[in-house]
Amino acid sequence: MPKFIFLSLLAILLLPATGKAEIIGGAPIPPGATASRGYDVSLDYLRQAREYRDQGRYELSRQAYAQAISTCRNAANLDIIKREMAGVELLIRTMR
């Protein structure tokens, strides 16, 4: 058993290190992302919310903005998201 553990550790240490992005859960990790500064998912939700808004799908846009707010890590981005969400909510109220 100790021989198996030793060989396993040796194999791990001898694996070549590549500069490619790692893949976790099927999505590539952007270069420069670390455990403490992971990929900001709120930017994906923000992009999706803007697409829905441009298509006139305001309820879906509001939901995507809410998801962006709940996952946002940056205060500057949070202000932008809240401002855009307020605009979409105004559009929704105006249409009713």
C-alpha atoms as a PDB file:
ATOM      1  CA  MET A   1       0.000   0.000   0.000  1.00  0.00           C
ATOM      2  CA  PRO A   2       2.746   2.561   0.782  1.00  0.00           C
ATOM      3  CA  LYS A   3       4.317   1.731  -2.583  1.00  0.00           C
ATOM      4  CA  PHE A   4       1.019   2.592  -4.343  1.00  0.00           C
ATOM      5  CA  ILE A   5       0.770   5.942  -2.523  1.00  0.00           C
ATOM      6  CA  PHE A   6       4.393   6.742  -3.348  1.00  0.00           C
ATOM      7  CA  LEU A   7       3.883   5.921  -7.042  1.00  0.00           C
ATOM      8  CA  SER A   8       0.677   7.971  -7.157  1.00  0.00           C
ATOM      9  CA  LEU A   9       2.392  11.018  -5.687  1.00  0.00           C
ATOM     10  CA  LEU A  10       5.333  10.573  -8.015  1.00  0.00           C
ATOM     11  CA  ALA A  11       3.013  10.398 -11.031  1.00  0.00           C
ATOM     12  CA  ILE A  12       1.247  13.587  -9.961  1.00  0.00           C
ATOM     13  CA  LEU A  13       4.524  15.426  -9.512  1.00  0.00           C
ATOM     14  CA  LEU A  14       5.825  14.306 -12.882  1.00  0.00           C
ATOM     15  CA  LEU A  15       2.752  15.418 -14.858  1.00  0.00           C
ATOM     16  CA  PRO A  16       3.689  18.228 -17.204  1.00  0.00           C
ATOM     17  CA  ALA A  17       2.360  21.633 -16.224  1.00  0.00           C
ATOM     18  CA  THR A  18       0.689  23.408 -19.109  1.00  0.00           C
ATOM     19  CA  GLY A  19      -0.298  27.048 -19.394  1.00  0.00           C
ATOM     20  CA  LYS A  20      -3.813  26.164 -20.555  1.00  0.00           C
ATOM     21  CA  ALA A  21      -6.908  27.136 -18.600  1.00  0.00           C
ATOM     22  CA  GLU A  22      -8.229  24.442 -16.323  1.00  0.00           C
ATOM     23  CA  ILE A  23     -11.742  23.164 -16.726  1.00  0.00           C
ATOM     24  CA  ILE A  24     -14.089  22.798 -13.765  1.00  0.00           C
ATOM     25  CA  GLY A  25     -17.680  21.778 -14.296  1.00  0.00           C
ATOM     26  CA  GLY A  26     -17.340  22.077 -18.057  1.00  0.00           C
ATOM     27  CA  ALA A  27     -16.531  25.811 -18.058  1.00  0.00           C
ATOM     28  CA  PRO A  28     -12.987  27.054 -18.635  1.00  0.00           C
ATOM     29  CA  ILE A  29     -11.453  29.209 -15.940  1.00  0.00           C
ATOM     30  CA  PRO A  30     -10.241  32.506 -17.378  1.00  0.00           C
ATOM     31  CA  PRO A  31      -6.488  33.151 -17.202  1.00  0.00           C
ATOM     32  CA  GLY A  32      -5.503  35.072 -14.098  1.00  0.00           C
ATOM     33  CA  ALA A  33      -8.405  33.804 -11.991  1.00  0.00           C
ATOM     34  CA  THR A  34      -7.426  32.498  -8.586  1.00  0.00           C
ATOM     35  CA  ALA A  35      -9.302  30.869  -5.755  1.00  0.00           C
ATOM     36  CA  SER A  36      -9.712  34.178  -3.949  1.00  0.00           C
ATOM     37  CA  ARG A  37     -10.502  36.106  -7.145  1.00  0.00           C
ATOM     38  CA  GLY A  38     -12.576  33.661  -9.126  1.00  0.00           C
ATOM     39  CA  TYR A  39     -14.495  34.346 -12.284  1.00  0.00           C
ATOM     40  CA  ASP A  40     -17.252  36.912 -11.751  1.00  0.00           C
ATOM     41  CA  VAL A  41     -20.475  35.216 -12.841  1.00  0.00           C
ATOM     42  CA  SER A  42     -22.428  38.448 -12.457  1.00  0.00           C
ATOM     43  CA  LEU A  43     -20.951  39.686 -15.732  1.00  0.00           C
ATOM     44  CA  ASP A  44     -22.585  36.763 -17.551  1.00  0.00           C
ATOM     45  CA  TYR A  45     -25.926  37.570 -15.935  1.00  0.00           C
ATOM     46  CA  LEU A  46     -25.481  41.248 -16.824  1.00  0.00           C
ATOM     47  CA  ARG A  47     -24.815  40.388 -20.462  1.00  0.00           C
ATOM     48  CA  GLN A  48     -27.853  38.129 -20.512  1.00  0.00           C
ATOM     49  CA  ALA A  49     -30.039  40.805 -18.891  1.00  0.00           C
ATOM     50  CA  ARG A  50     -28.984  43.345 -21.507  1.00  0.00           C
ATOM     51  CA  GLU A  51     -29.805  40.909 -24.304  1.00  0.00           C
ATOM     52  CA  TYR A  52     -33.274  40.300 -22.859  1.00  0.00           C
ATOM     53  CA  ARG A  53     -33.798  44.056 -22.447  1.00  0.00           C
ATOM     54  CA  ASP A  54     -32.834  44.689 -26.064  1.00  0.00           C
ATOM     55  CA  GLN A  55     -35.283  41.984 -27.162  1.00  0.00           C
ATOM     56  CA  GLY A  56     -38.096  43.579 -25.142  1.00  0.00           C
ATOM     57  CA  ARG A  57     -38.269  40.672 -22.697  1.00  0.00           C
ATOM     58  CA  TYR A  58     -38.293  42.857 -19.610  1.00  0.00           C
ATOM     59  CA  GLU A  59     -39.421  40.299 -17.005  1.00  0.00           C
ATOM     60  CA  LEU A  60     -36.599  37.937 -17.957  1.00  0.00           C
ATOM     61  CA  SER A  61     -34.234  40.878 -17.995  1.00  0.00           C
ATOM     62  CA  ARG A  62     -35.257  41.835 -14.452  1.00  0.00           C
ATOM     63  CA  GLN A  63     -34.645  38.270 -13.271  1.00  0.00           C
ATOM     64  CA  ALA A  64     -31.181  38.215 -14.853  1.00  0.00           C
ATOM     65  CA  TYR A  65     -30.375  41.571 -13.217  1.00  0.00           C
ATOM     66  CA  ALA A  66     -31.470  40.143  -9.847  1.00  0.00           C
ATOM     67  CA  GLN A  67     -29.119  37.196 -10.353  1.00  0.00           C
ATOM     68  CA  ALA A  68     -26.327  39.577 -11.307  1.00  0.00           C
ATOM     69  CA  ILE A  69     -26.892  41.577  -8.129  1.00  0.00           C
ATOM     70  CA  SER A  70     -26.848  38.462  -5.953  1.00  0.00           C
ATOM     71  CA  THR A  71     -23.542  37.258  -7.405  1.00  0.00           C
ATOM     72  CA  CYS A  72     -21.760  40.607  -7.863  1.00  0.00           C
ATOM     73  CA  ARG A  73     -18.418  41.064  -6.083  1.00  0.00           C
ATOM     74  CA  ASN A  74     -17.499  44.535  -7.277  1.00  0.00           C
ATOM     75  CA  ALA A  75     -19.095  47.698  -5.866  1.00  0.00           C
ATOM     76  CA  ALA A  76     -18.726  49.618  -9.129  1.00  0.00           C
ATOM     77  CA  ASN A  77     -20.404  46.852 -11.121  1.00  0.00           C
ATOM     78  CA  LEU A  78     -23.118  46.598  -8.475  1.00  0.00           C
ATOM     79  CA  ASP A  79     -24.027  50.266  -8.955  1.00  0.00           C
ATOM     80  CA  ILE A  80     -24.266  49.807 -12.728  1.00  0.00           C
ATOM     81  CA  ILE A  81     -26.403  46.686 -12.382  1.00  0.00           C
ATOM     82  CA  LYS A  82     -28.777  48.368  -9.890  1.00  0.00           C
ATOM     83  CA  ARG A  83     -29.145  51.414 -12.148  1.00  0.00           C
ATOM     84  CA  GLU A  84     -29.945  49.312 -15.200  1.00  0.00           C
ATOM     85  CA  MET A  85     -32.370  47.157 -13.195  1.00  0.00           C
ATOM     86  CA  ALA A  86     -34.190  50.286 -12.023  1.00  0.00           C
ATOM     87  CA  GLY A  87     -34.590  51.299 -15.667  1.00  0.00           C
ATOM     88  CA  VAL A  88     -36.050  47.920 -16.581  1.00  0.00           C
ATOM     89  CA  GLU A  89     -38.436  48.032 -13.617  1.00  0.00           C
ATOM     90  CA  LEU A  90     -39.593  51.467 -14.781  1.00  0.00           C
ATOM     91  CA  LEU A  91     -40.244  50.049 -18.243  1.00  0.00           C
ATOM     92  CA  ILE A  92     -42.250  47.195 -16.735  1.00  0.00           C
ATOM     93  CA  ARG A  93     -44.356  49.585 -14.611  1.00  0.00           C
ATOM     94  CA  THR A  94     -44.927  51.869 -17.590  1.00  0.00           C
ATOM     95  CA  MET A  95     -46.172  49.030 -19.768  1.00  0.00           C
ATOM     96  CA  ARG A  96     -48.779  47.864 -17.214  1.00  0.00           C
END
